[in-house]
Amino acid sequence: MKVSVETFYQEQYSKPIENSYFFAYRITIFNGGDFSVQLLRRHWFIFDSNAIKREVEGEGVIGQQPIIHPGESHQYISGCNLKTNIGKMHGTYLMERIDDKKQFYINIPEFTMIAPEKSN
């Protein structure tokens, strides 16, 4: 299983004067294994640059618990609101093999979200 992430600053939903910065992220989960799996749960750790940490946990992703067959990918877009113009996220997905119901975790690699004015 391989997880990759792309991030996008959402200027139209952000309000820097109110310390509100919105980011979208596109997750791609690729199944390079030999068995079909289902994504059951997610667990995110979200950090603003002012050291505020949040955790988000729940079933599936964006209301789905997708099944990913060998050689296939599942992709979705979600979002995150930060109180600072830079932050980061990482986490895990709880997966289950379809054939024998064995559960296991896969890591979501840490990724950074940076508002354009911060990177100048």
PDB file of N, CA and C in Angstrom:
ATOM      1  N   MET A   1       0.857  -1.175   0.000  1.00  0.00           N
ATOM      2  CA  MET A   1       0.000   0.000   0.000  1.00  0.00           C
ATOM      3  C   MET A   1       0.898   1.232   0.000  1.00  0.00           C
ATOM      4  N   LYS A   2       0.563   2.172  -0.857  1.00  0.00           N
ATOM      5  CA  LYS A   2       1.318   3.425  -0.915  1.00  0.00           C
ATOM      6  C   LYS A   2       0.331   4.591  -0.899  1.00  0.00           C
ATOM      7  N   VAL A   3       0.609   5.557  -0.038  1.00  0.00           N
ATOM      8  CA  VAL A   3      -0.241   6.744   0.080  1.00  0.00           C
ATOM      9  C   VAL A   3       0.566   7.950  -0.373  1.00  0.00           C
ATOM     10  N   SER A   4      -0.009   8.726  -1.308  1.00  0.00           N
ATOM     11  CA  SER A   4       0.635   9.978  -1.727  1.00  0.00           C
ATOM     12  C   SER A   4      -0.357  11.127  -1.558  1.00  0.00           C
ATOM     13  N   VAL A   5       0.191  12.331  -1.369  1.00  0.00           N
ATOM     14  CA  VAL A   5      -0.624  13.491  -1.025  1.00  0.00           C
ATOM     15  C   VAL A   5      -0.196  14.704  -1.853  1.00  0.00           C
ATOM     16  N   GLU A   6      -1.177  15.468  -2.337  1.00  0.00           N
ATOM     17  CA  GLU A   6      -0.953  16.787  -2.952  1.00  0.00           C
ATOM     18  C   GLU A   6      -1.792  17.788  -2.169  1.00  0.00           C
ATOM     19  N   THR A   7      -1.247  18.976  -1.915  1.00  0.00           N
ATOM     20  CA  THR A   7      -1.993  19.994  -1.175  1.00  0.00           C
ATOM     21  C   THR A   7      -2.237  21.219  -2.043  1.00  0.00           C
ATOM     22  N   PHE A   8      -3.327  21.933  -1.711  1.00  0.00           N
ATOM     23  CA  PHE A   8      -3.729  23.124  -2.467  1.00  0.00           C
ATOM     24  C   PHE A   8      -4.275  24.155  -1.486  1.00  0.00           C
ATOM     25  N   TYR A   9      -3.689  25.348  -1.498  1.00  0.00           N
ATOM     26  CA  TYR A   9      -4.203  26.440  -0.670  1.00  0.00           C
ATOM     27  C   TYR A   9      -5.501  26.943  -1.289  1.00  0.00           C
ATOM     28  N   GLN A  10      -6.522  27.131  -0.474  1.00  0.00           N
ATOM     29  CA  GLN A  10      -7.833  27.567  -0.942  1.00  0.00           C
ATOM     30  C   GLN A  10      -8.068  29.028  -0.538  1.00  0.00           C
ATOM     31  N   GLU A  11      -7.560  29.923  -1.358  1.00  0.00           N
ATOM     32  CA  GLU A  11      -7.636  31.359  -1.046  1.00  0.00           C
ATOM     33  C   GLU A  11      -9.078  31.832  -0.875  1.00  0.00           C
ATOM     34  N   GLN A  12      -9.997  31.317  -1.693  1.00  0.00           N
ATOM     35  CA  GLN A  12     -11.382  31.785  -1.654  1.00  0.00           C
ATOM     36  C   GLN A  12     -12.094  31.435  -0.349  1.00  0.00           C
ATOM     37  N   TYR A  13     -11.610  30.441   0.392  1.00  0.00           N
ATOM     38  CA  TYR A  13     -12.218  30.054   1.664  1.00  0.00           C
ATOM     39  C   TYR A  13     -11.400  30.513   2.874  1.00  0.00           C
ATOM     40  N   SER A  14     -10.239  31.095   2.629  1.00  0.00           N
ATOM     41  CA  SER A  14      -9.351  31.533   3.706  1.00  0.00           C
ATOM     42  C   SER A  14      -9.614  32.989   4.061  1.00  0.00           C
ATOM     43  N   LYS A  15      -9.391  33.312   5.339  1.00  0.00           N
ATOM     44  CA  LYS A  15      -9.545  34.678   5.832  1.00  0.00           C
ATOM     45  C   LYS A  15      -8.355  34.982   6.734  1.00  0.00           C
ATOM     46  N   PRO A  16      -7.204  35.330   6.130  1.00  0.00           N
ATOM     47  CA  PRO A  16      -5.994  35.563   6.929  1.00  0.00           C
ATOM     48  C   PRO A  16      -6.186  36.584   8.050  1.00  0.00           C
ATOM     49  N   ILE A  17      -7.000  37.601   7.819  1.00  0.00           N
ATOM     50  CA  ILE A  17      -7.211  38.615   8.850  1.00  0.00           C
ATOM     51  C   ILE A  17      -7.870  38.014  10.099  1.00  0.00           C
ATOM     52  N   GLU A  18      -8.563  36.885   9.922  1.00  0.00           N
ATOM     53  CA  GLU A  18      -9.208  36.180  11.036  1.00  0.00           C
ATOM     54  C   GLU A  18      -8.430  34.918  11.437  1.00  0.00           C
ATOM     55  N   ASN A  19      -7.195  34.801  10.963  1.00  0.00           N
ATOM     56  CA  ASN A  19      -6.363  33.624  11.233  1.00  0.00           C
ATOM     57  C   ASN A  19      -7.063  32.328  10.834  1.00  0.00           C
ATOM     58  N   SER A  20      -7.620  32.330   9.637  1.00  0.00           N
ATOM     59  CA  SER A  20      -8.301  31.152   9.111  1.00  0.00           C
ATOM     60  C   SER A  20      -7.745  30.856   7.717  1.00  0.00           C
ATOM     61  N   TYR A  21      -7.064  29.719   7.587  1.00  0.00           N
ATOM     62  CA  TYR A  21      -6.420  29.316   6.341  1.00  0.00           C
ATOM     63  C   TYR A  21      -6.945  27.939   5.955  1.00  0.00           C
ATOM     64  N   PHE A  22      -7.533  27.852   4.770  1.00  0.00           N
ATOM     65  CA  PHE A  22      -8.127  26.586   4.352  1.00  0.00           C
ATOM     66  C   PHE A  22      -7.281  25.941   3.261  1.00  0.00           C
ATOM     67  N   PHE A  23      -7.046  24.651   3.424  1.00  0.00           N
ATOM     68  CA  PHE A  23      -6.266  23.879   2.468  1.00  0.00           C
ATOM     69  C   PHE A  23      -7.071  22.660   2.030  1.00  0.00           C
ATOM     70  N   ALA A  24      -6.963  22.323   0.763  1.00  0.00           N
ATOM     71  CA  ALA A  24      -7.500  21.063   0.260  1.00  0.00           C
ATOM     72  C   ALA A  24      -6.318  20.123   0.052  1.00  0.00           C
ATOM     73  N   TYR A  25      -6.591  18.841   0.127  1.00  0.00           N
ATOM     74  CA  TYR A  25      -5.545  17.857  -0.162  1.00  0.00           C
ATOM     75  C   TYR A  25      -6.156  16.694  -0.934  1.00  0.00           C
ATOM     76  N   ARG A  26      -5.376  16.204  -1.879  1.00  0.00           N
ATOM     77  CA  ARG A  26      -5.779  15.053  -2.682  1.00  0.00           C
ATOM     78  C   ARG A  26      -4.951  13.855  -2.234  1.00  0.00           C
ATOM     79  N   ILE A  27      -5.629  12.820  -1.795  1.00  0.00           N
ATOM     80  CA  ILE A  27      -4.983  11.590  -1.339  1.00  0.00           C
ATOM     81  C   ILE A  27      -5.151  10.526  -2.416  1.00  0.00           C
ATOM     82  N   THR A  28      -4.067   9.838  -2.719  1.00  0.00           N
ATOM     83  CA  THR A  28      -4.119   8.669  -3.594  1.00  0.00           C
ATOM     84  C   THR A  28      -3.575   7.485  -2.814  1.00  0.00           C
ATOM     85  N   ILE A  29      -4.384   6.431  -2.737  1.00  0.00           N
ATOM     86  CA  ILE A  29      -3.989   5.198  -2.049  1.00  0.00           C
ATOM     87  C   ILE A  29      -3.853   4.117  -3.117  1.00  0.00           C
ATOM     88  N   PHE A  30      -2.651   3.614  -3.298  1.00  0.00           N
ATOM     89  CA  PHE A  30      -2.389   2.589  -4.316  1.00  0.00           C
ATOM     90  C   PHE A  30      -2.188   1.236  -3.650  1.00  0.00           C
ATOM     91  N   ASN A  31      -2.873   0.239  -4.160  1.00  0.00           N
ATOM     92  CA  ASN A  31      -2.743  -1.122  -3.644  1.00  0.00           C
ATOM     93  C   ASN A  31      -1.780  -1.894  -4.531  1.00  0.00           C
ATOM     94  N   GLY A  32      -0.545  -2.027  -4.093  1.00  0.00           N
ATOM     95  CA  GLY A  32       0.460  -2.783  -4.830  1.00  0.00           C
ATOM     96  C   GLY A  32       0.578  -4.214  -4.347  1.00  0.00           C
ATOM     97  N   GLY A  33      -0.359  -4.631  -3.500  1.00  0.00           N
ATOM     98  CA  GLY A  33      -0.316  -5.987  -2.937  1.00  0.00           C
ATOM     99  C   GLY A  33      -1.027  -7.003  -3.805  1.00  0.00           C
ATOM    100  N   ASP A  34      -1.225  -8.160  -3.225  1.00  0.00           N
ATOM    101  CA  ASP A  34      -1.849  -9.281  -3.937  1.00  0.00           C
ATOM    102  C   ASP A  34      -3.280  -9.551  -3.492  1.00  0.00           C
ATOM    103  N   PHE A  35      -3.838  -8.679  -2.646  1.00  0.00           N
ATOM    104  CA  PHE A  35      -5.180  -8.931  -2.127  1.00  0.00           C
ATOM    105  C   PHE A  35      -5.975  -7.627  -2.108  1.00  0.00           C
ATOM    106  N   SER A  36      -7.291  -7.743  -2.212  1.00  0.00           N
ATOM    107  CA  SER A  36      -8.185  -6.583  -2.133  1.00  0.00           C
ATOM    108  C   SER A  36      -8.334  -6.165  -0.679  1.00  0.00           C
ATOM    109  N   VAL A  37      -8.406  -4.864  -0.464  1.00  0.00           N
ATOM    110  CA  VAL A  37      -8.535  -4.316   0.886  1.00  0.00           C
ATOM    111  C   VAL A  37      -9.659  -3.299   0.936  1.00  0.00           C
ATOM    112  N   GLN A  38     -10.172  -3.091   2.138  1.00  0.00           N
ATOM    113  CA  GLN A  38     -11.172  -2.054   2.356  1.00  0.00           C
ATOM    114  C   GLN A  38     -10.652  -1.086   3.401  1.00  0.00           C
ATOM    115  N   LEU A  39     -10.799   0.203   3.131  1.00  0.00           N
ATOM    116  CA  LEU A  39     -10.425   1.240   4.083  1.00  0.00           C
ATOM    117  C   LEU A  39     -11.574   1.387   5.078  1.00  0.00           C
ATOM    118  N   LEU A  40     -11.289   1.126   6.345  1.00  0.00           N
ATOM    119  CA  LEU A  40     -12.336   1.171   7.371  1.00  0.00           C
ATOM    120  C   LEU A  40     -12.373   2.485   8.147  1.00  0.00           C
ATOM    121  N   ARG A  41     -11.184   2.969   8.571  1.00  0.00           N
ATOM    122  CA  ARG A  41     -11.128   4.146   9.442  1.00  0.00           C
ATOM    123  C   ARG A  41      -9.924   5.013   9.094  1.00  0.00           C
ATOM    124  N   ARG A  42     -10.001   6.269   9.538  1.00  0.00           N
ATOM    125  CA  ARG A  42      -8.881   7.203   9.398  1.00  0.00           C
ATOM    126  C   ARG A  42      -8.569   7.791  10.768  1.00  0.00           C
ATOM    127  N   HIS A  43      -7.305   8.174  10.957  1.00  0.00           N
ATOM    128  CA  HIS A  43      -6.872   8.847  12.188  1.00  0.00           C
ATOM    129  C   HIS A  43      -5.828   9.881  11.774  1.00  0.00           C
ATOM    130  N   TRP A  44      -6.185  11.153  11.902  1.00  0.00           N
ATOM    131  CA  TRP A  44      -5.317  12.263  11.493  1.00  0.00           C
ATOM    132  C   TRP A  44      -4.757  12.981  12.711  1.00  0.00           C
ATOM    133  N   PHE A  45      -3.521  13.447  12.577  1.00  0.00           N
ATOM    134  CA  PHE A  45      -2.885  14.368  13.520  1.00  0.00           C
ATOM    135  C   PHE A  45      -2.609  15.648  12.735  1.00  0.00           C
ATOM    136  N   ILE A  46      -3.163  16.760  13.208  1.00  0.00           N
ATOM    137  CA  ILE A  46      -3.084  18.041  12.499  1.00  0.00           C
ATOM    138  C   ILE A  46      -2.385  19.050  13.401  1.00  0.00           C
ATOM    139  N   PHE A  47      -1.386  19.732  12.848  1.00  0.00           N
ATOM    140  CA  PHE A  47      -0.589  20.691  13.626  1.00  0.00           C
ATOM    141  C   PHE A  47      -0.579  22.049  12.936  1.00  0.00           C
ATOM    142  N   ASP A  48      -0.937  23.099  13.683  1.00  0.00           N
ATOM    143  CA  ASP A  48      -0.712  24.470  13.228  1.00  0.00           C
ATOM    144  C   ASP A  48       0.715  24.847  13.618  1.00  0.00           C
ATOM    145  N   SER A  49       1.260  25.893  13.007  1.00  0.00           N
ATOM    146  CA  SER A  49       2.640  26.274  13.340  1.00  0.00           C
ATOM    147  C   SER A  49       2.755  26.923  14.718  1.00  0.00           C
ATOM    148  N   ASN A  50       1.638  27.202  15.374  1.00  0.00           N
ATOM    149  CA  ASN A  50       1.674  27.734  16.741  1.00  0.00           C
ATOM    150  C   ASN A  50       1.592  26.618  17.778  1.00  0.00           C
ATOM    151  N   ALA A  51       1.897  25.382  17.357  1.00  0.00           N
ATOM    152  CA  ALA A  51       1.990  24.202  18.223  1.00  0.00           C
ATOM    153  C   ALA A  51       0.635  23.659  18.680  1.00  0.00           C
ATOM    154  N   ILE A  52      -0.446  24.124  18.082  1.00  0.00           N
ATOM    155  CA  ILE A  52      -1.756  23.549  18.398  1.00  0.00           C
ATOM    156  C   ILE A  52      -1.901  22.236  17.639  1.00  0.00           C
ATOM    157  N   LYS A  53      -2.258  21.187  18.378  1.00  0.00           N
ATOM    158  CA  LYS A  53      -2.403  19.854  17.790  1.00  0.00           C
ATOM    159  C   LYS A  53      -3.863  19.422  17.895  1.00  0.00           C
ATOM    160  N   ARG A  54      -4.387  18.876  16.801  1.00  0.00           N
ATOM    161  CA  ARG A  54      -5.735  18.314  16.799  1.00  0.00           C
ATOM    162  C   ARG A  54      -5.673  16.881  16.291  1.00  0.00           C
ATOM    163  N   GLU A  55      -6.624  16.088  16.727  1.00  0.00           N
ATOM    164  CA  GLU A  55      -6.766  14.728  16.210  1.00  0.00           C
ATOM    165  C   GLU A  55      -8.170  14.581  15.647  1.00  0.00           C
ATOM    166  N   VAL A  56      -8.247  13.908  14.510  1.00  0.00           N
ATOM    167  CA  VAL A  56      -9.531  13.622  13.882  1.00  0.00           C
ATOM    168  C   VAL A  56      -9.554  12.129  13.587  1.00  0.00           C
ATOM    169  N   GLU A  57     -10.598  11.481  14.060  1.00  0.00           N
ATOM    170  CA  GLU A  57     -10.709  10.043  13.879  1.00  0.00           C
ATOM    171  C   GLU A  57     -12.133   9.721  13.453  1.00  0.00           C
ATOM    172  N   GLY A  58     -12.283   8.723  12.582  1.00  0.00           N
ATOM    173  CA  GLY A  58     -13.628   8.348  12.190  1.00  0.00           C
ATOM    174  C   GLY A  58     -13.645   7.245  11.149  1.00  0.00           C
ATOM    175  N   GLU A  59     -14.863   6.864  10.789  1.00  0.00           N
ATOM    176  CA  GLU A  59     -15.042   5.811   9.803  1.00  0.00           C
ATOM    177  C   GLU A  59     -14.748   6.330   8.400  1.00  0.00           C
ATOM    178  N   GLY A  60     -14.074   5.519   7.614  1.00  0.00           N
ATOM    179  CA  GLY A  60     -13.868   5.785   6.204  1.00  0.00           C
ATOM    180  C   GLY A  60     -13.262   7.142   5.893  1.00  0.00           C
ATOM    181  N   VAL A  61     -13.454   7.545   4.649  1.00  0.00           N
ATOM    182  CA  VAL A  61     -13.003   8.850   4.168  1.00  0.00           C
ATOM    183  C   VAL A  61     -14.122   9.465   3.345  1.00  0.00           C
ATOM    184  N   ILE A  62     -14.421  10.709   3.598  1.00  0.00           N
ATOM    185  CA  ILE A  62     -15.502  11.464   2.965  1.00  0.00           C
ATOM    186  C   ILE A  62     -16.772  10.621   2.785  1.00  0.00           C
ATOM    187  N   GLY A  63     -17.149   9.919   3.853  1.00  0.00           N
ATOM    188  CA  GLY A  63     -18.377   9.139   3.845  1.00  0.00           C
ATOM    189  C   GLY A  63     -18.298   7.809   3.106  1.00  0.00           C
ATOM    190  N   GLN A  64     -17.107   7.379   2.743  1.00  0.00           N
ATOM    191  CA  GLN A  64     -16.940   6.130   2.006  1.00  0.00           C
ATOM    192  C   GLN A  64     -15.978   5.199   2.729  1.00  0.00           C
ATOM    193  N   GLN A  65     -16.158   3.918   2.494  1.00  0.00           N
ATOM    194  CA  GLN A  65     -15.215   2.893   2.942  1.00  0.00           C
ATOM    195  C   GLN A  65     -14.833   2.081   1.699  1.00  0.00           C
ATOM    196  N   PRO A  66     -13.976   2.674   0.862  1.00  0.00           N
ATOM    197  CA  PRO A  66     -13.709   2.079  -0.455  1.00  0.00           C
ATOM    198  C   PRO A  66     -12.966   0.746  -0.381  1.00  0.00           C
ATOM    199  N   ILE A  67     -13.246  -0.108  -1.364  1.00  0.00           N
ATOM    200  CA  ILE A  67     -12.499  -1.339  -1.579  1.00  0.00           C
ATOM    201  C   ILE A  67     -11.505  -1.061  -2.697  1.00  0.00           C
ATOM    202  N   ILE A  68     -10.252  -1.418  -2.452  1.00  0.00           N
ATOM    203  CA  ILE A  68      -9.183  -1.170  -3.433  1.00  0.00           C
ATOM    204  C   ILE A  68      -8.588  -2.515  -3.811  1.00  0.00           C
ATOM    205  N   HIS A  69      -8.721  -2.864  -5.085  1.00  0.00           N
ATOM    206  CA  HIS A  69      -8.235  -4.147  -5.590  1.00  0.00           C
ATOM    207  C   HIS A  69      -6.752  -4.049  -5.959  1.00  0.00           C
ATOM    208  N   PRO A  70      -6.054  -5.188  -6.033  1.00  0.00           N
ATOM    209  CA  PRO A  70      -4.630  -5.173  -6.396  1.00  0.00           C
ATOM    210  C   PRO A  70      -4.387  -4.422  -7.710  1.00  0.00           C
ATOM    211  N   GLY A  71      -3.372  -3.563  -7.694  1.00  0.00           N
ATOM    212  CA  GLY A  71      -3.028  -2.786  -8.883  1.00  0.00           C
ATOM    213  C   GLY A  71      -3.897  -1.571  -9.107  1.00  0.00           C
ATOM    214  N   GLU A  72      -4.865  -1.314  -8.230  1.00  0.00           N
ATOM    215  CA  GLU A  72      -5.765  -0.173  -8.386  1.00  0.00           C
ATOM    216  C   GLU A  72      -5.506   0.877  -7.309  1.00  0.00           C
ATOM    217  N   SER A  73      -6.058   2.064  -7.550  1.00  0.00           N
ATOM    218  CA  SER A  73      -5.928   3.184  -6.619  1.00  0.00           C
ATOM    219  C   SER A  73      -7.298   3.707  -6.237  1.00  0.00           C
ATOM    220  N   HIS A  74      -7.343   4.349  -5.089  1.00  0.00           N
ATOM    221  CA  HIS A  74      -8.521   5.129  -4.697  1.00  0.00           C
ATOM    222  C   HIS A  74      -8.022   6.548  -4.434  1.00  0.00           C
ATOM    223  N   GLN A  75      -8.747   7.522  -4.968  1.00  0.00           N
ATOM    224  CA  GLN A  75      -8.348   8.914  -4.800  1.00  0.00           C
ATOM    225  C   GLN A  75      -9.538   9.705  -4.283  1.00  0.00           C
ATOM    226  N   TYR A  76      -9.256  10.638  -3.371  1.00  0.00           N
ATOM    227  CA  TYR A  76     -10.312  11.520  -2.879  1.00  0.00           C
ATOM    228  C   TYR A  76      -9.702  12.863  -2.510  1.00  0.00           C
ATOM    229  N   ILE A  77     -10.567  13.864  -2.402  1.00  0.00           N
ATOM    230  CA  ILE A  77     -10.145  15.212  -2.008  1.00  0.00           C
ATOM    231  C   ILE A  77     -10.903  15.594  -0.740  1.00  0.00           C
ATOM    232  N   SER A  78     -10.175  16.141   0.214  1.00  0.00           N
ATOM    233  CA  SER A  78     -10.776  16.626   1.450  1.00  0.00           C
ATOM    234  C   SER A  78     -10.099  17.941   1.812  1.00  0.00           C
ATOM    235  N   GLY A  79     -10.363  18.452   3.002  1.00  0.00           N
ATOM    236  CA  GLY A  79      -9.789  19.736   3.363  1.00  0.00           C
ATOM    237  C   GLY A  79      -9.523  19.875   4.842  1.00  0.00           C
ATOM    238  N   CYS A  80      -8.805  20.934   5.164  1.00  0.00           N
ATOM    239  CA  CYS A  80      -8.400  21.198   6.542  1.00  0.00           C
ATOM    240  C   CYS A  80      -8.304  22.706   6.746  1.00  0.00           C
ATOM    241  N   ASN A  81      -8.807  23.170   7.871  1.00  0.00           N
ATOM    242  CA  ASN A  81      -8.721  24.576   8.231  1.00  0.00           C
ATOM    243  C   ASN A  81      -7.656  24.738   9.317  1.00  0.00           C
ATOM    244  N   LEU A  82      -6.731  25.657   9.102  1.00  0.00           N
ATOM    245  CA  LEU A  82      -5.681  25.939  10.080  1.00  0.00           C
ATOM    246  C   LEU A  82      -5.845  27.344  10.635  1.00  0.00           C
ATOM    247  N   LYS A  83      -5.272  27.570  11.809  1.00  0.00           N
ATOM    248  CA  LYS A  83      -5.266  28.907  12.426  1.00  0.00           C
ATOM    249  C   LYS A  83      -4.017  29.696  12.046  1.00  0.00           C
ATOM    250  N   THR A  84      -3.070  29.040  11.382  1.00  0.00           N
ATOM    251  CA  THR A  84      -1.840  29.699  10.939  1.00  0.00           C
ATOM    252  C   THR A  84      -1.637  29.413   9.455  1.00  0.00           C
ATOM    253  N   ASN A  85      -0.732  30.161   8.828  1.00  0.00           N
ATOM    254  CA  ASN A  85      -0.536  30.021   7.385  1.00  0.00           C
ATOM    255  C   ASN A  85       0.413  28.880   7.009  1.00  0.00           C
ATOM    256  N   ILE A  86       0.816  28.108   7.984  1.00  0.00           N
ATOM    257  CA  ILE A  86       1.625  26.915   7.729  1.00  0.00           C
ATOM    258  C   ILE A  86       1.234  25.852   8.757  1.00  0.00           C
ATOM    259  N   GLY A  87       1.206  24.619   8.311  1.00  0.00           N
ATOM    260  CA  GLY A  87       0.868  23.513   9.208  1.00  0.00           C
ATOM    261  C   GLY A  87       1.237  22.193   8.558  1.00  0.00           C
ATOM    262  N   LYS A  88       0.951  21.123   9.272  1.00  0.00           N
ATOM    263  CA  LYS A  88       1.271  19.805   8.725  1.00  0.00           C
ATOM    264  C   LYS A  88       0.271  18.782   9.245  1.00  0.00           C
ATOM    265  N   MET A  89       0.198  17.667   8.544  1.00  0.00           N
ATOM    266  CA  MET A  89      -0.690  16.567   8.914  1.00  0.00           C
ATOM    267  C   MET A  89       0.016  15.241   8.657  1.00  0.00           C
ATOM    268  N   HIS A  90      -0.395  14.237   9.388  1.00  0.00           N
ATOM    269  CA  HIS A  90      -0.019  12.852   9.106  1.00  0.00           C
ATOM    270  C   HIS A  90      -1.028  11.974   9.828  1.00  0.00           C
ATOM    271  N   GLY A  91      -0.993  10.678   9.551  1.00  0.00           N
ATOM    272  CA  GLY A  91      -1.954   9.812  10.219  1.00  0.00           C
ATOM    273  C   GLY A  91      -1.861   8.372   9.773  1.00  0.00           C
ATOM    274  N   THR A  92      -2.972   7.658   9.970  1.00  0.00           N
ATOM    275  CA  THR A  92      -3.051   6.251   9.588  1.00  0.00           C
ATOM    276  C   THR A  92      -4.438   5.934   9.036  1.00  0.00           C
ATOM    277  N   TYR A  93      -4.478   4.895   8.229  1.00  0.00           N
ATOM    278  CA  TYR A  93      -5.738   4.291   7.797  1.00  0.00           C
ATOM    279  C   TYR A  93      -5.783   2.877   8.358  1.00  0.00           C
ATOM    280  N   LEU A  94      -6.939   2.476   8.860  1.00  0.00           N
ATOM    281  CA  LEU A  94      -7.155   1.089   9.237  1.00  0.00           C
ATOM    282  C   LEU A  94      -7.752   0.389   8.027  1.00  0.00           C
ATOM    283  N   MET A  95      -7.054  -0.636   7.559  1.00  0.00           N
ATOM    284  CA  MET A  95      -7.466  -1.379   6.376  1.00  0.00           C
ATOM    285  C   MET A  95      -7.861  -2.801   6.788  1.00  0.00           C
ATOM    286  N   GLU A  96      -8.660  -3.440   5.942  1.00  0.00           N
ATOM    287  CA  GLU A  96      -9.034  -4.830   6.176  1.00  0.00           C
ATOM    288  C   GLU A  96      -8.939  -5.601   4.873  1.00  0.00           C
ATOM    289  N   ARG A  97      -8.258  -6.739   4.930  1.00  0.00           N
ATOM    290  CA  ARG A  97      -8.190  -7.599   3.753  1.00  0.00           C
ATOM    291  C   ARG A  97      -9.564  -8.230   3.536  1.00  0.00           C
ATOM    292  N   ILE A  98     -10.020  -8.223   2.302  1.00  0.00           N
ATOM    293  CA  ILE A  98     -11.350  -8.735   1.985  1.00  0.00           C
ATOM    294  C   ILE A  98     -11.416 -10.248   2.186  1.00  0.00           C
ATOM    295  N   ASP A  99     -10.372 -10.958   1.800  1.00  0.00           N
ATOM    296  CA  ASP A  99     -10.431 -12.429   1.816  1.00  0.00           C
ATOM    297  C   ASP A  99     -10.461 -13.039   3.213  1.00  0.00           C
ATOM    298  N   ASP A 100      -9.676 -12.524   4.148  1.00  0.00           N
ATOM    299  CA  ASP A 100      -9.611 -13.150   5.465  1.00  0.00           C
ATOM    300  C   ASP A 100      -9.957 -12.204   6.627  1.00  0.00           C
ATOM    301  N   LYS A 101     -10.374 -10.991   6.317  1.00  0.00           N
ATOM    302  CA  LYS A 101     -10.788  -9.988   7.323  1.00  0.00           C
ATOM    303  C   LYS A 101      -9.656  -9.549   8.249  1.00  0.00           C
ATOM    304  N   LYS A 102      -8.407  -9.851   7.889  1.00  0.00           N
ATOM    305  CA  LYS A 102      -7.263  -9.404   8.691  1.00  0.00           C
ATOM    306  C   LYS A 102      -7.140  -7.882   8.583  1.00  0.00           C
ATOM    307  N   GLN A 103      -7.018  -7.220   9.736  1.00  0.00           N
ATOM    308  CA  GLN A 103      -6.904  -5.761   9.761  1.00  0.00           C
ATOM    309  C   GLN A 103      -5.459  -5.339   9.973  1.00  0.00           C
ATOM    310  N   PHE A 104      -5.112  -4.210   9.380  1.00  0.00           N
ATOM    311  CA  PHE A 104      -3.765  -3.664   9.529  1.00  0.00           C
ATOM    312  C   PHE A 104      -3.820  -2.162   9.283  1.00  0.00           C
ATOM    313  N   TYR A 105      -2.796  -1.459   9.739  1.00  0.00           N
ATOM    314  CA  TYR A 105      -2.703  -0.009   9.565  1.00  0.00           C
ATOM    315  C   TYR A 105      -1.697   0.315   8.467  1.00  0.00           C
ATOM    316  N   ILE A 106      -1.989   1.381   7.724  1.00  0.00           N
ATOM    317  CA  ILE A 106      -0.986   1.942   6.822  1.00  0.00           C
ATOM    318  C   ILE A 106      -0.787   3.405   7.208  1.00  0.00           C
ATOM    319  N   ASN A 107       0.430   3.870   7.070  1.00  0.00           N
ATOM    320  CA  ASN A 107       0.765   5.247   7.441  1.00  0.00           C
ATOM    321  C   ASN A 107       0.421   6.211   6.317  1.00  0.00           C
ATOM    322  N   ILE A 108      -0.078   7.365   6.722  1.00  0.00           N
ATOM    323  CA  ILE A 108      -0.257   8.493   5.816  1.00  0.00           C
ATOM    324  C   ILE A 108       0.957   9.380   6.067  1.00  0.00           C
ATOM    325  N   PRO A 109       1.810   9.565   5.057  1.00  0.00           N
ATOM    326  CA  PRO A 109       3.044  10.322   5.300  1.00  0.00           C
ATOM    327  C   PRO A 109       2.750  11.772   5.676  1.00  0.00           C
ATOM    328  N   GLU A 110       3.641  12.322   6.485  1.00  0.00           N
ATOM    329  CA  GLU A 110       3.496  13.726   6.872  1.00  0.00           C
ATOM    330  C   GLU A 110       3.586  14.618   5.643  1.00  0.00           C
ATOM    331  N   PHE A 111       2.706  15.609   5.591  1.00  0.00           N
ATOM    332  CA  PHE A 111       2.771  16.604   4.522  1.00  0.00           C
ATOM    333  C   PHE A 111       2.524  17.985   5.106  1.00  0.00           C
ATOM    334  N   THR A 112       3.074  18.966   4.429  1.00  0.00           N
ATOM    335  CA  THR A 112       3.016  20.354   4.883  1.00  0.00           C
ATOM    336  C   THR A 112       2.019  21.142   4.045  1.00  0.00           C
ATOM    337  N   MET A 113       1.343  22.073   4.699  1.00  0.00           N
ATOM    338  CA  MET A 113       0.430  23.007   4.023  1.00  0.00           C
ATOM    339  C   MET A 113       0.976  24.408   4.277  1.00  0.00           C
ATOM    340  N   ILE A 114       1.244  25.132   3.192  1.00  0.00           N
ATOM    341  CA  ILE A 114       1.844  26.466   3.305  1.00  0.00           C
ATOM    342  C   ILE A 114       1.067  27.444   2.421  1.00  0.00           C
ATOM    343  N   ALA A 115       0.571  28.519   3.016  1.00  0.00           N
ATOM    344  CA  ALA A 115      -0.091  29.559   2.245  1.00  0.00           C
ATOM    345  C   ALA A 115       0.928  30.256   1.359  1.00  0.00           C
ATOM    346  N   PRO A 116       0.541  30.684   0.165  1.00  0.00           N
ATOM    347  CA  PRO A 116       1.504  31.288  -0.786  1.00  0.00           C
ATOM    348  C   PRO A 116       2.301  32.454  -0.207  1.00  0.00           C
ATOM    349  N   GLU A 117       1.695  33.297   0.619  1.00  0.00           N
ATOM    350  CA  GLU A 117       2.441  34.455   1.139  1.00  0.00           C
ATOM    351  C   GLU A 117       3.560  34.029   2.075  1.00  0.00           C
ATOM    352  N   LYS A 118       3.446  32.848   2.673  1.00  0.00           N
ATOM    353  CA  LYS A 118       4.474  32.357   3.589  1.00  0.00           C
ATOM    354  C   LYS A 118       5.701  31.846   2.825  1.00  0.00           C
ATOM    355  N   SER A 119       5.510  31.361   1.606  1.00  0.00           N
ATOM    356  CA  SER A 119       6.616  30.790   0.854  1.00  0.00           C
ATOM    357  C   SER A 119       7.413  31.828   0.063  1.00  0.00           C
ATOM    358  N   ASN A 120       7.024  33.085   0.149  1.00  0.00           N
ATOM    359  CA  ASN A 120       7.762  34.152  -0.557  1.00  0.00           C
ATOM    360  C   ASN A 120       8.927  34.656   0.262  1.00  0.00           C
TER     361      ASN A 120
END
